[in-house]
Amino acid sequence: GGFTQGLGLMLTEELKRRDETNHAWLRGGVGSSLTNGPGNYKIPSSDDVPRDLRVSLIRDEVPNEKASGGSKAVGEPPLALGVSAFLAAKAACLGDTAAGGVDLELDSPATAERLSWCASAARGESDAALRPELHV
């Protein structure tokens, strides 16, 4: 579950805010959230998880007297594994562009729009100035 949440964080869940030039018909002023629920951005599902995802669990032979009920649970560390998917997408997109003197950046989340632009720019088919803006 944490890995899937990390996939969303790094690849699909982009926080967008309204500025003075976009979405004037929506309620809320400048700075209001445009992505305030699952209807506005892509939440990862079971179809987004690798088919071959191997996990290992700590067995009962490892006691943990300090935790509630002997729990061996972790919260956020699996979330950080989503970075591996971002870096893999970035490496695939950029390829060997640095060797060719092309200097491209890919922001997180690496949305489909950003990956498409990056691949086009890496092939010389898109101007770096047309890079999708990061909404923070």
C-alpha atoms as a PDB file:
ATOM      1  CA  GLY A   1       0.000   0.000   0.000  1.00  0.00           C
ATOM      2  CA  GLY A   2       2.775   2.432   0.873  1.00  0.00           C
ATOM      3  CA  PHE A   3       4.536   1.762  -2.429  1.00  0.00           C
ATOM      4  CA  THR A   4       1.330   2.426  -4.374  1.00  0.00           C
ATOM      5  CA  GLN A   5       0.835   5.654  -2.445  1.00  0.00           C
ATOM      6  CA  GLY A   6       4.434   6.594  -3.345  1.00  0.00           C
ATOM      7  CA  LEU A   7       3.696   5.894  -7.024  1.00  0.00           C
ATOM      8  CA  GLY A   8       0.861   8.387  -6.876  1.00  0.00           C
ATOM      9  CA  LEU A   9       2.990  10.960  -5.101  1.00  0.00           C
ATOM     10  CA  MET A  10       5.815  10.725  -7.643  1.00  0.00           C
ATOM     11  CA  LEU A  11       3.910  10.068 -10.882  1.00  0.00           C
ATOM     12  CA  THR A  12       0.306  11.247 -10.883  1.00  0.00           C
ATOM     13  CA  GLU A  13      -0.897  13.343  -7.965  1.00  0.00           C
ATOM     14  CA  GLU A  14      -0.148  16.940  -8.861  1.00  0.00           C
ATOM     15  CA  LEU A  15      -1.312  19.780  -6.661  1.00  0.00           C
ATOM     16  CA  LYS A  16      -2.600  22.594  -8.858  1.00  0.00           C
ATOM     17  CA  ARG A  17      -3.706  25.992  -7.647  1.00  0.00           C
ATOM     18  CA  ARG A  18      -5.724  28.638  -9.420  1.00  0.00           C
ATOM     19  CA  ASP A  19      -3.915  31.768 -10.522  1.00  0.00           C
ATOM     20  CA  GLU A  20      -5.280  34.947 -12.101  1.00  0.00           C
ATOM     21  CA  THR A  21      -5.123  33.489 -15.619  1.00  0.00           C
ATOM     22  CA  ASN A  22      -6.710  30.043 -15.293  1.00  0.00           C
ATOM     23  CA  HIS A  23     -10.123  28.581 -14.561  1.00  0.00           C
ATOM     24  CA  ALA A  24     -11.970  31.843 -13.904  1.00  0.00           C
ATOM     25  CA  TRP A  25     -15.343  30.024 -13.956  1.00  0.00           C
ATOM     26  CA  LEU A  26     -14.520  27.996 -10.822  1.00  0.00           C
ATOM     27  CA  ARG A  27     -15.401  29.054  -7.307  1.00  0.00           C
ATOM     28  CA  GLY A  28     -12.612  30.230  -5.073  1.00  0.00           C
ATOM     29  CA  GLY A  29     -10.099  32.945  -5.524  1.00  0.00           C
ATOM     30  CA  VAL A  30      -6.507  32.998  -6.628  1.00  0.00           C
ATOM     31  CA  GLY A  31      -4.604  30.276  -4.799  1.00  0.00           C
ATOM     32  CA  SER A  32      -7.589  27.973  -4.327  1.00  0.00           C
ATOM     33  CA  SER A  33      -6.957  24.304  -5.023  1.00  0.00           C
ATOM     34  CA  LEU A  34      -7.911  22.907  -8.429  1.00  0.00           C
ATOM     35  CA  THR A  35      -7.060  19.367  -7.339  1.00  0.00           C
ATOM     36  CA  ASN A  36      -9.076  18.984  -4.179  1.00  0.00           C
ATOM     37  CA  GLY A  37     -10.297  15.425  -4.604  1.00  0.00           C
ATOM     38  CA  PRO A  38     -10.003  12.186  -6.545  1.00  0.00           C
ATOM     39  CA  GLY A  39     -12.145  13.592  -9.355  1.00  0.00           C
ATOM     40  CA  ASN A  40      -9.380  16.055 -10.200  1.00  0.00           C
ATOM     41  CA  TYR A  41      -6.316  13.830 -10.286  1.00  0.00           C
ATOM     42  CA  LYS A  42      -5.352  10.213 -10.883  1.00  0.00           C
ATOM     43  CA  ILE A  43      -5.111   8.079  -7.750  1.00  0.00           C
ATOM     44  CA  PRO A  44      -3.125   4.880  -8.378  1.00  0.00           C
ATOM     45  CA  SER A  45      -5.116   1.661  -8.442  1.00  0.00           C
ATOM     46  CA  SER A  46      -4.226  -2.022  -8.444  1.00  0.00           C
ATOM     47  CA  ASP A  47      -3.666  -1.749 -12.204  1.00  0.00           C
ATOM     48  CA  ASP A  48      -0.775   0.666 -11.562  1.00  0.00           C
ATOM     49  CA  VAL A  49       1.189  -1.687  -9.306  1.00  0.00           C
ATOM     50  CA  PRO A  50       3.845  -3.898 -10.943  1.00  0.00           C
ATOM     51  CA  ARG A  51       2.550  -7.417 -11.600  1.00  0.00           C
ATOM     52  CA  ASP A  52       5.659  -8.879  -9.992  1.00  0.00           C
ATOM     53  CA  LEU A  53       6.057  -6.964  -6.723  1.00  0.00           C
ATOM     54  CA  ARG A  54       8.001  -8.980  -4.182  1.00  0.00           C
ATOM     55  CA  VAL A  55       7.734  -8.187  -0.506  1.00  0.00           C
ATOM     56  CA  SER A  56       9.049  -9.924   2.552  1.00  0.00           C
ATOM     57  CA  LEU A  57       7.607  -9.651   6.017  1.00  0.00           C
ATOM     58  CA  ILE A  58       9.340  -9.860   9.376  1.00  0.00           C
ATOM     59  CA  ARG A  59       8.470 -13.163  10.983  1.00  0.00           C
ATOM     60  CA  ASP A  60       7.208 -13.657  14.513  1.00  0.00           C
ATOM     61  CA  GLU A  61      10.656 -14.889  15.601  1.00  0.00           C
ATOM     62  CA  VAL A  62      11.708 -11.238  15.886  1.00  0.00           C
ATOM     63  CA  PRO A  63       9.982  -9.959  19.042  1.00  0.00           C
ATOM     64  CA  ASN A  64       9.257  -6.270  19.473  1.00  0.00           C
ATOM     65  CA  GLU A  65       8.320  -5.672  23.105  1.00  0.00           C
ATOM     66  CA  LYS A  66       8.415  -1.866  22.735  1.00  0.00           C
ATOM     67  CA  ALA A  67       5.618  -1.689  20.157  1.00  0.00           C
ATOM     68  CA  SER A  68       1.890  -1.960  20.738  1.00  0.00           C
ATOM     69  CA  GLY A  69       0.914  -5.596  20.471  1.00  0.00           C
ATOM     70  CA  GLY A  70       4.412  -6.470  19.219  1.00  0.00           C
ATOM     71  CA  SER A  71       3.759  -4.609  15.972  1.00  0.00           C
ATOM     72  CA  LYS A  72       6.470  -4.530  13.333  1.00  0.00           C
ATOM     73  CA  ALA A  73       4.555  -2.093  11.131  1.00  0.00           C
ATOM     74  CA  VAL A  74       6.087   0.854   9.345  1.00  0.00           C
ATOM     75  CA  GLY A  75       4.369   3.875   7.897  1.00  0.00           C
ATOM     76  CA  GLU A  76       6.183   6.142   5.500  1.00  0.00           C
ATOM     77  CA  PRO A  77       9.319   4.172   4.444  1.00  0.00           C
ATOM     78  CA  PRO A  78       7.444   2.209   1.724  1.00  0.00           C
ATOM     79  CA  LEU A  79       6.102   5.532   0.441  1.00  0.00           C
ATOM     80  CA  ALA A  80       9.674   6.568  -0.367  1.00  0.00           C
ATOM     81  CA  LEU A  81       9.983   3.588  -2.723  1.00  0.00           C
ATOM     82  CA  GLY A  82       7.844   5.561  -5.182  1.00  0.00           C
ATOM     83  CA  VAL A  83      10.999   7.567  -5.915  1.00  0.00           C
ATOM     84  CA  SER A  84      12.362   4.482  -7.715  1.00  0.00           C
ATOM     85  CA  ALA A  85       9.494   4.659 -10.224  1.00  0.00           C
ATOM     86  CA  PHE A  86      10.090   8.389 -10.750  1.00  0.00           C
ATOM     87  CA  LEU A  87      13.819   7.866 -11.322  1.00  0.00           C
ATOM     88  CA  ALA A  88      13.162   4.969 -13.714  1.00  0.00           C
ATOM     89  CA  ALA A  89      10.703   7.092 -15.715  1.00  0.00           C
ATOM     90  CA  LYS A  90      13.180   9.982 -15.740  1.00  0.00           C
ATOM     91  CA  ALA A  91      16.046   7.763 -16.905  1.00  0.00           C
ATOM     92  CA  ALA A  92      13.897   6.232 -19.648  1.00  0.00           C
ATOM     93  CA  CYS A  93      12.706   9.651 -20.766  1.00  0.00           C
ATOM     94  CA  LEU A  94      16.037  11.422 -20.738  1.00  0.00           C
ATOM     95  CA  GLY A  95      18.125   8.512 -21.987  1.00  0.00           C
ATOM     96  CA  ASP A  96      21.573   9.714 -22.922  1.00  0.00           C
ATOM     97  CA  THR A  97      20.643  13.350 -23.500  1.00  0.00           C
ATOM     98  CA  ALA A  98      23.351  14.676 -21.170  1.00  0.00           C
ATOM     99  CA  ALA A  99      26.029  13.119 -23.388  1.00  0.00           C
ATOM    100  CA  GLY A 100      24.538  14.961 -26.355  1.00  0.00           C
ATOM    101  CA  GLY A 101      24.694  18.290 -24.573  1.00  0.00           C
ATOM    102  CA  VAL A 102      20.951  18.473 -23.957  1.00  0.00           C
ATOM    103  CA  ASP A 103      20.082  19.760 -20.493  1.00  0.00           C
ATOM    104  CA  LEU A 104      16.559  18.750 -19.481  1.00  0.00           C
ATOM    105  CA  GLU A 105      14.852  18.581 -16.120  1.00  0.00           C
ATOM    106  CA  LEU A 106      11.867  16.495 -15.128  1.00  0.00           C
ATOM    107  CA  ASP A 107       9.821  17.679 -12.166  1.00  0.00           C
ATOM    108  CA  SER A 108       7.928  15.455  -9.793  1.00  0.00           C
ATOM    109  CA  PRO A 109       5.244  14.353 -10.157  1.00  0.00           C
ATOM    110  CA  ALA A 110       6.244  12.947 -13.521  1.00  0.00           C
ATOM    111  CA  THR A 111       2.752  13.199 -14.980  1.00  0.00           C
ATOM    112  CA  ALA A 112       1.919  11.876 -18.442  1.00  0.00           C
ATOM    113  CA  GLU A 113       2.067  15.464 -19.732  1.00  0.00           C
ATOM    114  CA  ARG A 114       5.576  15.997 -18.341  1.00  0.00           C
ATOM    115  CA  LEU A 115       6.865  12.613 -19.548  1.00  0.00           C
ATOM    116  CA  SER A 116       5.493  13.253 -23.036  1.00  0.00           C
ATOM    117  CA  TRP A 117       7.165  16.676 -23.167  1.00  0.00           C
ATOM    118  CA  CYS A 118      10.426  15.276 -21.814  1.00  0.00           C
ATOM    119  CA  ALA A 119      10.573  12.479 -24.382  1.00  0.00           C
ATOM    120  CA  SER A 120       9.809  14.914 -27.224  1.00  0.00           C
ATOM    121  CA  ALA A 121      12.396  17.413 -25.993  1.00  0.00           C
ATOM    122  CA  ALA A 122      14.992  14.663 -25.575  1.00  0.00           C
ATOM    123  CA  ARG A 123      14.460  13.735 -29.244  1.00  0.00           C
ATOM    124  CA  GLY A 124      14.726  17.388 -30.227  1.00  0.00           C
ATOM    125  CA  GLU A 125      11.056  17.558 -31.217  1.00  0.00           C
ATOM    126  CA  SER A 126       9.936  20.032 -28.532  1.00  0.00           C
ATOM    127  CA  ASP A 127      11.315  23.330 -27.342  1.00  0.00           C
ATOM    128  CA  ALA A 128      12.608  23.329 -23.757  1.00  0.00           C
ATOM    129  CA  ALA A 129      10.719  26.596 -23.242  1.00  0.00           C
ATOM    130  CA  LEU A 130       7.436  24.684 -23.661  1.00  0.00           C
ATOM    131  CA  ARG A 131       8.165  22.617 -20.560  1.00  0.00           C
ATOM    132  CA  PRO A 132       4.956  22.033 -18.520  1.00  0.00           C
ATOM    133  CA  GLU A 133       4.953  24.364 -15.539  1.00  0.00           C
ATOM    134  CA  LEU A 134       5.192  23.054 -12.022  1.00  0.00           C
ATOM    135  CA  HIS A 135       2.218  24.060  -9.903  1.00  0.00           C
ATOM    136  CA  VAL A 136       3.306  24.574  -6.313  1.00  0.00           C
END
